[in-house]
Amino acid sequence: MYWFYLAMAIVLEVMGTTCMKLSEGFTRLIPSVLVFVLYMVSFSFMILALKKMELGVVYAIWAGLGTAMIALIGIVWFQESVSLLKIVSIVFIVLGVVGLHLSQMAQGPL
């Protein structure tokens, strides 16, 4: 259940960050409001995940997967630049998150 809370926190954070771009510097009302709402709900889910998971692991996975997902959304949706170095860097982020997940699993079920 706590991994579900963390997954929801990540998805909502990514949506909130995407709304930052769509808000065009807070000049568009709906995306601007959604930034705050989505981040508030994301943090709420992260707080629930922290009831049974380690702070460092939760935050690193939240930030790492969020960063990787936003980088991919930027490339695909907003036609941002892509390079071999950017792709390799995203892969390293994901590998780090997998390592943290495995370290959490090695401690036993939550």
C-alpha atoms as a PDB file:
ATOM      1  CA  MET A   1       0.000   0.000   0.000  1.00  0.00           C
ATOM      2  CA  TYR A   2       2.843   2.413   0.815  1.00  0.00           C
ATOM      3  CA  TRP A   3       4.406   1.866  -2.601  1.00  0.00           C
ATOM      4  CA  PHE A   4       1.030   2.824  -4.097  1.00  0.00           C
ATOM      5  CA  TYR A   5       1.096   6.059  -2.082  1.00  0.00           C
ATOM      6  CA  LEU A   6       4.588   6.779  -3.373  1.00  0.00           C
ATOM      7  CA  ALA A   7       3.560   6.019  -6.965  1.00  0.00           C
ATOM      8  CA  MET A   8       0.613   8.395  -6.651  1.00  0.00           C
ATOM      9  CA  ALA A   9       2.895  11.075  -5.205  1.00  0.00           C
ATOM     10  CA  ILE A  10       5.228  10.712  -8.196  1.00  0.00           C
ATOM     11  CA  VAL A  11       2.457  10.818 -10.809  1.00  0.00           C
ATOM     12  CA  LEU A  12       0.849  13.872  -9.223  1.00  0.00           C
ATOM     13  CA  GLU A  13       4.209  15.648  -8.916  1.00  0.00           C
ATOM     14  CA  VAL A  14       4.906  15.019 -12.593  1.00  0.00           C
ATOM     15  CA  MET A  15       1.475  16.366 -13.488  1.00  0.00           C
ATOM     16  CA  GLY A  16       2.098  19.438 -11.321  1.00  0.00           C
ATOM     17  CA  THR A  17       5.474  20.076 -12.905  1.00  0.00           C
ATOM     18  CA  THR A  18       3.974  19.697 -16.373  1.00  0.00           C
ATOM     19  CA  CYS A  19       1.368  22.289 -15.381  1.00  0.00           C
ATOM     20  CA  MET A  20       4.233  24.638 -14.477  1.00  0.00           C
ATOM     21  CA  LYS A  21       5.267  24.606 -18.128  1.00  0.00           C
ATOM     22  CA  LEU A  22       1.666  24.886 -19.324  1.00  0.00           C
ATOM     23  CA  SER A  23       0.993  27.851 -17.002  1.00  0.00           C
ATOM     24  CA  GLU A  24       3.330  29.992 -19.139  1.00  0.00           C
ATOM     25  CA  GLY A  25       4.733  31.854 -16.150  1.00  0.00           C
ATOM     26  CA  PHE A  26       1.441  31.905 -14.237  1.00  0.00           C
ATOM     27  CA  THR A  27      -0.329  33.665 -17.109  1.00  0.00           C
ATOM     28  CA  ARG A  28      -2.831  30.815 -17.650  1.00  0.00           C
ATOM     29  CA  LEU A  29      -5.261  30.341 -14.763  1.00  0.00           C
ATOM     30  CA  ILE A  30      -6.155  26.645 -14.827  1.00  0.00           C
ATOM     31  CA  PRO A  31      -2.617  25.241 -15.171  1.00  0.00           C
ATOM     32  CA  SER A  32      -1.432  27.767 -12.558  1.00  0.00           C
ATOM     33  CA  VAL A  33      -4.026  26.609 -10.022  1.00  0.00           C
ATOM     34  CA  LEU A  34      -3.330  22.961 -10.856  1.00  0.00           C
ATOM     35  CA  VAL A  35       0.362  23.408  -9.991  1.00  0.00           C
ATOM     36  CA  PHE A  36      -0.532  24.100  -6.365  1.00  0.00           C
ATOM     37  CA  VAL A  37      -3.353  21.568  -6.105  1.00  0.00           C
ATOM     38  CA  LEU A  38      -1.360  18.727  -7.639  1.00  0.00           C
ATOM     39  CA  TYR A  39       1.709  19.425  -5.519  1.00  0.00           C
ATOM     40  CA  MET A  40      -0.428  19.590  -2.357  1.00  0.00           C
ATOM     41  CA  VAL A  41      -2.005  16.209  -3.104  1.00  0.00           C
ATOM     42  CA  SER A  42       1.376  14.787  -4.143  1.00  0.00           C
ATOM     43  CA  PHE A  43       2.917  15.818  -0.828  1.00  0.00           C
ATOM     44  CA  SER A  44      -0.072  14.318   0.985  1.00  0.00           C
ATOM     45  CA  PHE A  45       0.536  10.952  -0.651  1.00  0.00           C
ATOM     46  CA  MET A  46       4.258  11.227   0.080  1.00  0.00           C
ATOM     47  CA  ILE A  47       3.468  11.850   3.756  1.00  0.00           C
ATOM     48  CA  LEU A  48       1.349   8.679   3.780  1.00  0.00           C
ATOM     49  CA  ALA A  49       4.218   6.708   2.206  1.00  0.00           C
ATOM     50  CA  LEU A  50       6.562   8.039   4.892  1.00  0.00           C
ATOM     51  CA  LYS A  51       4.499   6.339   7.605  1.00  0.00           C
ATOM     52  CA  LYS A  52       6.317   3.071   6.833  1.00  0.00           C
ATOM     53  CA  MET A  53       9.123   3.927   4.412  1.00  0.00           C
ATOM     54  CA  GLU A  54      12.487   5.601   4.964  1.00  0.00           C
ATOM     55  CA  LEU A  55      12.642   9.334   4.261  1.00  0.00           C
ATOM     56  CA  GLY A  56      15.796   9.134   2.150  1.00  0.00           C
ATOM     57  CA  VAL A  57      14.438   6.306   0.018  1.00  0.00           C
ATOM     58  CA  VAL A  58      11.025   7.935  -0.487  1.00  0.00           C
ATOM     59  CA  TYR A  59      12.443  11.319  -1.401  1.00  0.00           C
ATOM     60  CA  ALA A  60      15.126   9.928  -3.695  1.00  0.00           C
ATOM     61  CA  ILE A  61      12.632   7.748  -5.578  1.00  0.00           C
ATOM     62  CA  TRP A  62      10.068  10.588  -5.746  1.00  0.00           C
ATOM     63  CA  ALA A  63      12.626  13.073  -7.021  1.00  0.00           C
ATOM     64  CA  GLY A  64      14.502  10.626  -9.261  1.00  0.00           C
ATOM     65  CA  LEU A  65      11.539   9.105 -11.067  1.00  0.00           C
ATOM     66  CA  GLY A  66       9.847  12.503 -11.249  1.00  0.00           C
ATOM     67  CA  THR A  67      12.973  13.970 -12.847  1.00  0.00           C
ATOM     68  CA  ALA A  68      13.284  11.121 -15.344  1.00  0.00           C
ATOM     69  CA  MET A  69       9.597  11.298 -16.272  1.00  0.00           C
ATOM     70  CA  ILE A  70       9.669  15.086 -16.675  1.00  0.00           C
ATOM     71  CA  ALA A  71      12.780  14.855 -18.860  1.00  0.00           C
ATOM     72  CA  LEU A  72      10.996  12.344 -21.095  1.00  0.00           C
ATOM     73  CA  ILE A  73       7.814  14.454 -21.195  1.00  0.00           C
ATOM     74  CA  GLY A  74       9.941  17.445 -22.159  1.00  0.00           C
ATOM     75  CA  ILE A  75      11.511  15.511 -25.012  1.00  0.00           C
ATOM     76  CA  VAL A  76       8.302  13.903 -26.301  1.00  0.00           C
ATOM     77  CA  TRP A  77       5.604  16.485 -25.564  1.00  0.00           C
ATOM     78  CA  PHE A  78       7.450  19.806 -25.572  1.00  0.00           C
ATOM     79  CA  GLN A  79      10.028  18.855 -28.245  1.00  0.00           C
ATOM     80  CA  GLU A  80      12.951  19.700 -25.974  1.00  0.00           C
ATOM     81  CA  SER A  81      16.456  18.761 -27.030  1.00  0.00           C
ATOM     82  CA  VAL A  82      17.641  15.188 -26.780  1.00  0.00           C
ATOM     83  CA  SER A  83      21.185  13.881 -26.763  1.00  0.00           C
ATOM     84  CA  LEU A  84      22.985  10.683 -25.951  1.00  0.00           C
ATOM     85  CA  LEU A  85      24.233  12.248 -22.717  1.00  0.00           C
ATOM     86  CA  LYS A  86      20.683  13.180 -21.681  1.00  0.00           C
ATOM     87  CA  ILE A  87      19.392   9.648 -22.370  1.00  0.00           C
ATOM     88  CA  VAL A  88      22.318   8.014 -20.526  1.00  0.00           C
ATOM     89  CA  SER A  89      21.755  10.361 -17.582  1.00  0.00           C
ATOM     90  CA  ILE A  90      18.066   9.428 -17.413  1.00  0.00           C
ATOM     91  CA  VAL A  91      19.039   5.743 -17.461  1.00  0.00           C
ATOM     92  CA  PHE A  92      21.423   6.336 -14.537  1.00  0.00           C
ATOM     93  CA  ILE A  93      18.657   8.049 -12.578  1.00  0.00           C
ATOM     94  CA  VAL A  94      16.340   5.092 -13.159  1.00  0.00           C
ATOM     95  CA  LEU A  95      19.081   2.619 -12.195  1.00  0.00           C
ATOM     96  CA  GLY A  96      19.634   4.556  -8.968  1.00  0.00           C
ATOM     97  CA  VAL A  97      15.923   4.407  -8.199  1.00  0.00           C
ATOM     98  CA  VAL A  98      15.871   0.653  -8.859  1.00  0.00           C
ATOM     99  CA  GLY A  99      18.814   0.256  -6.478  1.00  0.00           C
ATOM    100  CA  LEU A 100      16.988   2.198  -3.769  1.00  0.00           C
ATOM    101  CA  HIS A 101      13.880   0.098  -4.321  1.00  0.00           C
ATOM    102  CA  LEU A 102      15.930  -3.081  -3.968  1.00  0.00           C
ATOM    103  CA  SER A 103      17.544  -1.783  -0.785  1.00  0.00           C
ATOM    104  CA  GLN A 104      14.088  -1.089   0.670  1.00  0.00           C
ATOM    105  CA  MET A 105      12.882  -4.576  -0.346  1.00  0.00           C
ATOM    106  CA  ALA A 106      15.911  -6.198   1.296  1.00  0.00           C
ATOM    107  CA  GLN A 107      14.695  -4.845   4.625  1.00  0.00           C
ATOM    108  CA  GLY A 108      11.529  -6.897   4.407  1.00  0.00           C
ATOM    109  CA  PRO A 109       7.868  -6.276   3.595  1.00  0.00           C
ATOM    110  CA  LEU A 110       6.201  -3.064   4.686  1.00  0.00           C
END
